[in-house]
Amino acid sequence: MRNEFPDSEKSANYAFRLFGAIVAIFCANPVFGQSVSSCGSLTNAYGPLDYRTEKNDSRVVLEYHFTPEVEALIRGRSGTIGGDIDYTLRAIPNNHRALIAMMRLGEKEKTDKPRDSQYTVECWFERAVLWRPDDSIVRMIYSTYLNGKGRGAEALKQLETASVYAKDNPFTHYNIGLHYFDMKNYERALMQAHKALTLEFNRTELRDKLQSVGKWREPPVNPPSPPIDKTP
């Protein structure tokens, strides 16, 4: 039987299919994805740990590297402030308070890459998102950073994603609404306020803020269901 392709063409076709299979495996397996980033690998000597669920394992890192003095940007614990926050975020990429501290350190030093930080401030956020994409608090903090850099459209995308991952958590929806308000996106803030009310979260700060700028509206009342006709 005659070969359908010349040998060279068969080899090229096989290589192409093999490459496609490798790409499919790579995309489907988050472990591979975690090692490929312009902001370095998530692989670390200790961790990485999830800040939300691995509190006990995180304690030793916080005790030796993220003390109250480090968080307040007063002094380092084991070295410099930047070095200690760097260590904390390599071990616990989605540590919300450490991300805020690194962001504030960049502002204090007037640089995108604080002293003794291996990565830029934005890289720390990208690593946190890569590590735990469903962490809505990380995305809210990231949106604050992006908005402060004049990148409002990107900040809004982070909040939109945070809202999806918030699911039925009323407190998270409420906080997302506060972030929208700070960005002067009052319609989105109102939507989040209504969502929180629907989920029976009744704090009034967001409502009061919206009222202060004339943007508050009461949520629509669901019309009563029509009576069921039981006539035989």
Protein backbone atom coordinates (compact mmCIF):
# COMPACT_ATOMS: atom_id res chain seq x y z
CA MET A 1 0.00 0.00 0.00
CA ARG A 2 1.25 3.44 -0.93
CA ASN A 3 2.06 5.76 1.99
CA GLU A 4 -0.40 8.65 2.20
CA PHE A 5 2.41 11.06 3.14
CA PRO A 6 6.10 11.16 2.30
CA ASP A 7 8.31 10.19 5.23
CA SER A 8 9.30 13.79 5.99
CA GLU A 9 5.68 14.91 5.94
CA LYS A 10 4.66 11.98 8.16
CA SER A 11 7.34 12.96 10.68
CA ALA A 12 6.22 16.57 10.71
CA ASN A 13 2.59 15.53 11.14
CA TYR A 14 3.48 13.22 14.04
CA ALA A 15 5.53 15.94 15.73
CA PHE A 16 2.66 18.39 15.40
CA ARG A 17 0.18 15.94 16.96
CA LEU A 18 2.62 15.13 19.76
CA PHE A 19 3.10 18.82 20.48
CA GLY A 20 -0.68 19.28 20.62
CA ALA A 21 -1.02 16.46 23.13
CA ILE A 22 1.68 17.96 25.35
CA VAL A 23 -0.03 21.35 25.26
CA ALA A 24 -3.35 19.73 26.21
CA ILE A 25 -1.79 18.01 29.21
CA PHE A 26 -0.02 21.20 30.22
CA CYS A 27 -3.22 23.24 30.14
CA ALA A 28 -5.27 20.64 31.99
CA ASN A 29 -2.80 20.12 34.82
CA PRO A 30 -2.44 23.08 37.20
CA VAL A 31 0.80 21.70 38.62
CA PHE A 32 2.53 22.33 35.31
CA GLY A 33 0.95 25.79 35.04
CA GLN A 34 2.22 26.77 38.45
CA SER A 35 5.82 26.35 37.35
CA VAL A 36 5.53 28.55 34.25
CA SER A 37 5.24 32.26 34.88
CA SER A 38 7.11 35.42 34.02
CA CYS A 39 7.06 36.00 37.76
CA GLY A 40 8.88 32.83 38.73
CA SER A 41 7.88 29.38 39.91
CA LEU A 42 5.58 28.80 42.87
CA THR A 43 7.79 25.93 43.97
CA ASN A 44 9.31 26.81 47.33
CA ALA A 45 11.33 25.16 50.09
CA TYR A 46 8.44 25.73 52.50
CA GLY A 47 4.93 25.66 51.09
CA PRO A 48 3.35 27.09 49.12
CA LEU A 49 0.46 27.27 51.59
CA ASP A 50 -3.10 28.54 51.23
CA TYR A 51 -3.54 31.49 53.59
CA ARG A 52 -7.25 30.74 54.01
CA THR A 53 -7.05 27.09 55.00
CA GLU A 54 -3.54 26.30 56.27
CA LYS A 55 -3.34 28.63 59.27
CA ASN A 56 -1.42 26.22 61.51
CA ASP A 57 1.30 25.54 58.95
CA SER A 58 1.52 29.27 58.22
CA ARG A 59 2.16 30.18 61.85
CA VAL A 60 5.89 29.51 61.83
CA VAL A 61 6.36 31.76 58.78
CA LEU A 62 4.41 34.59 60.37
CA GLU A 63 6.26 34.27 63.67
CA TYR A 64 9.71 34.56 62.10
CA HIS A 65 9.07 36.70 59.05
CA PHE A 66 5.76 38.60 59.21
CA THR A 67 5.61 40.14 62.66
CA PRO A 68 3.50 43.21 63.46
CA GLU A 69 6.63 45.37 63.04
CA VAL A 70 7.23 43.98 59.55
CA GLU A 71 3.58 44.46 58.59
CA ALA A 72 3.72 48.06 59.82
CA LEU A 73 6.93 48.60 57.80
CA ILE A 74 8.86 49.54 60.94
CA ARG A 75 11.68 46.97 60.94
CA GLY A 76 12.54 43.53 59.61
CA ARG A 77 12.44 40.38 61.74
CA SER A 78 15.08 38.12 60.17
CA GLY A 79 16.53 40.69 57.77
CA THR A 80 15.10 43.65 55.90
CA ILE A 81 11.41 44.45 55.72
CA GLY A 82 11.29 43.63 52.01
CA GLY A 83 13.17 40.39 52.53
CA ASP A 84 10.78 39.23 55.24
CA ILE A 85 7.66 40.06 53.23
CA ASP A 86 9.27 38.35 50.23
CA TYR A 87 9.83 35.16 52.26
CA THR A 88 6.25 35.30 53.56
CA LEU A 89 4.75 35.59 50.08
CA ARG A 90 6.91 32.84 48.65
CA ALA A 91 5.68 30.50 51.40
CA ILE A 92 2.08 31.82 51.44
CA PRO A 93 1.42 33.45 48.05
CA ASN A 94 -2.15 34.54 48.89
CA ASN A 95 -1.40 36.04 52.31
CA HIS A 96 -3.73 39.03 52.10
CA ARG A 97 -2.01 41.14 54.73
CA ALA A 98 1.46 40.48 53.30
CA LEU A 99 0.25 41.50 49.84
CA ILE A 100 -1.04 44.78 51.26
CA ALA A 101 2.25 45.28 53.12
CA MET A 102 4.28 44.70 49.94
CA MET A 103 2.05 47.13 48.05
CA ARG A 104 2.52 49.75 50.78
CA LEU A 105 6.28 49.13 50.83
CA GLY A 106 6.44 49.82 47.10
CA GLU A 107 4.55 53.07 47.66
CA LYS A 108 6.82 54.02 50.55
CA GLU A 109 10.00 53.35 48.57
CA LYS A 110 8.47 54.80 45.39
CA THR A 111 9.39 51.75 43.36
CA ASP A 112 7.67 48.82 41.64
CA LYS A 113 10.28 46.45 43.08
CA PRO A 114 10.94 47.08 46.78
CA ARG A 115 14.37 46.50 48.26
CA ASP A 116 15.16 42.78 48.76
CA SER A 117 11.97 41.69 47.00
CA GLN A 118 12.69 39.12 44.28
CA TYR A 119 9.72 40.31 42.24
CA THR A 120 7.77 43.45 41.49
CA VAL A 121 4.66 44.24 43.51
CA GLU A 122 2.47 43.29 40.56
CA CYS A 123 4.26 39.97 40.22
CA TRP A 124 3.32 39.10 43.80
CA PHE A 125 -0.32 39.66 42.87
CA GLU A 126 0.02 37.57 39.72
CA ARG A 127 1.58 34.76 41.72
CA ALA A 128 -1.24 34.91 44.27
CA VAL A 129 -3.87 34.74 41.52
CA LEU A 130 -2.05 31.84 39.86
CA TRP A 131 -1.82 30.01 43.19
CA ARG A 132 -5.48 30.41 44.19
CA PRO A 133 -7.62 31.89 41.37
CA ASP A 134 -10.76 31.65 43.53
CA ASP A 135 -9.44 33.91 46.31
CA SER A 136 -11.77 36.89 45.98
CA ILE A 137 -9.92 38.91 48.62
CA VAL A 138 -6.68 38.72 46.64
CA ARG A 139 -8.52 40.01 43.59
CA MET A 140 -10.03 42.90 45.55
CA ILE A 141 -6.61 43.94 46.84
CA TYR A 142 -5.17 43.55 43.33
CA SER A 143 -7.94 45.77 41.95
CA THR A 144 -6.97 48.46 44.45
CA TYR A 145 -3.37 48.25 43.28
CA LEU A 146 -4.34 48.42 39.60
CA ASN A 147 -6.72 51.32 40.13
CA GLY A 148 -4.00 53.22 41.97
CA LYS A 149 -1.81 52.78 38.89
CA GLY A 150 -4.48 54.31 36.67
CA ARG A 151 -5.44 50.94 35.16
CA GLY A 152 -9.16 51.11 35.89
CA ALA A 153 -10.31 48.65 33.22
CA GLU A 154 -8.01 45.93 34.57
CA ALA A 155 -9.11 46.72 38.13
CA LEU A 156 -12.76 46.26 37.12
CA LYS A 157 -11.97 42.86 35.59
CA GLN A 158 -10.48 41.71 38.89
CA LEU A 159 -13.64 42.78 40.72
CA GLU A 160 -15.86 41.08 38.16
CA THR A 161 -13.95 37.83 38.65
CA ALA A 162 -14.06 38.25 42.43
CA SER A 163 -17.84 38.58 42.25
CA VAL A 164 -18.11 35.30 40.35
CA TYR A 165 -16.00 33.45 42.90
CA ALA A 166 -17.91 35.05 45.79
CA LYS A 167 -20.87 32.80 44.96
CA ASP A 168 -23.39 33.21 47.81
CA ASN A 169 -21.06 34.85 50.32
CA PRO A 170 -22.87 38.09 51.26
CA PHE A 171 -19.91 39.63 53.10
CA THR A 172 -17.67 39.26 50.06
CA HIS A 173 -20.30 40.73 47.72
CA TYR A 174 -20.70 43.65 50.12
CA ASN A 175 -16.96 44.32 50.20
CA ILE A 176 -16.76 44.11 46.42
CA GLY A 177 -19.48 46.77 46.38
CA LEU A 178 -17.34 49.02 48.57
CA HIS A 179 -14.45 48.62 46.12
CA TYR A 180 -16.74 49.54 43.22
CA PHE A 181 -17.85 52.61 45.15
CA ASP A 182 -14.24 53.69 45.72
CA MET A 183 -13.76 53.46 41.96
CA LYS A 184 -16.88 55.62 41.47
CA ASN A 185 -18.61 52.80 39.63
CA TYR A 186 -21.86 53.41 41.43
CA GLU A 187 -24.09 51.13 39.34
CA ARG A 188 -21.88 48.12 40.04
CA ALA A 189 -21.68 49.13 43.70
CA LEU A 190 -25.48 49.25 43.81
CA MET A 191 -25.75 45.81 42.20
CA GLN A 192 -23.41 44.36 44.83
CA ALA A 193 -25.33 46.07 47.63
CA HIS A 194 -28.57 44.57 46.33
CA LYS A 195 -26.91 41.16 46.06
CA ALA A 196 -25.76 41.35 49.69
CA LEU A 197 -29.28 42.35 50.80
CA THR A 198 -30.75 39.44 48.87
CA LEU A 199 -28.41 37.20 50.85
CA GLU A 200 -29.69 38.82 54.09
CA PHE A 201 -26.59 40.89 54.83
CA ASN A 202 -27.96 44.09 56.31
CA ARG A 203 -25.00 46.37 57.05
CA THR A 204 -25.75 49.91 55.93
CA GLU A 205 -22.35 51.52 55.18
CA LEU A 206 -22.51 50.86 51.45
CA ARG A 207 -26.12 52.03 51.25
CA ASP A 208 -25.21 55.21 53.15
CA LYS A 209 -22.29 55.90 50.83
CA LEU A 210 -24.51 55.49 47.77
CA GLN A 211 -27.17 57.72 49.32
CA SER A 212 -24.52 60.40 49.94
CA VAL A 213 -23.91 60.69 46.18
CA GLY A 214 -27.55 60.27 45.20
CA LYS A 215 -27.05 56.80 43.71
CA TRP A 216 -29.02 54.59 46.09
CA ARG A 217 -32.17 52.82 44.92
CA GLU A 218 -34.15 50.29 46.86
CA PRO A 219 -33.91 46.77 45.42
CA PRO A 220 -36.86 45.76 43.25
CA VAL A 221 -39.60 43.91 45.07
CA ASN A 222 -40.44 40.58 43.53
CA PRO A 223 -44.09 40.60 42.43
CA PRO A 224 -46.31 38.09 44.24
CA SER A 225 -46.85 34.83 42.47
CA PRO A 226 -50.26 34.55 40.79
CA PRO A 227 -52.76 32.43 42.73
CA ILE A 228 -52.92 28.80 41.70
CA ASP A 229 -56.19 27.92 40.05
CA LYS A 230 -57.46 24.87 41.87
CA THR A 231 -60.70 24.67 39.90
CA PRO A 232 -61.14 21.07 38.73
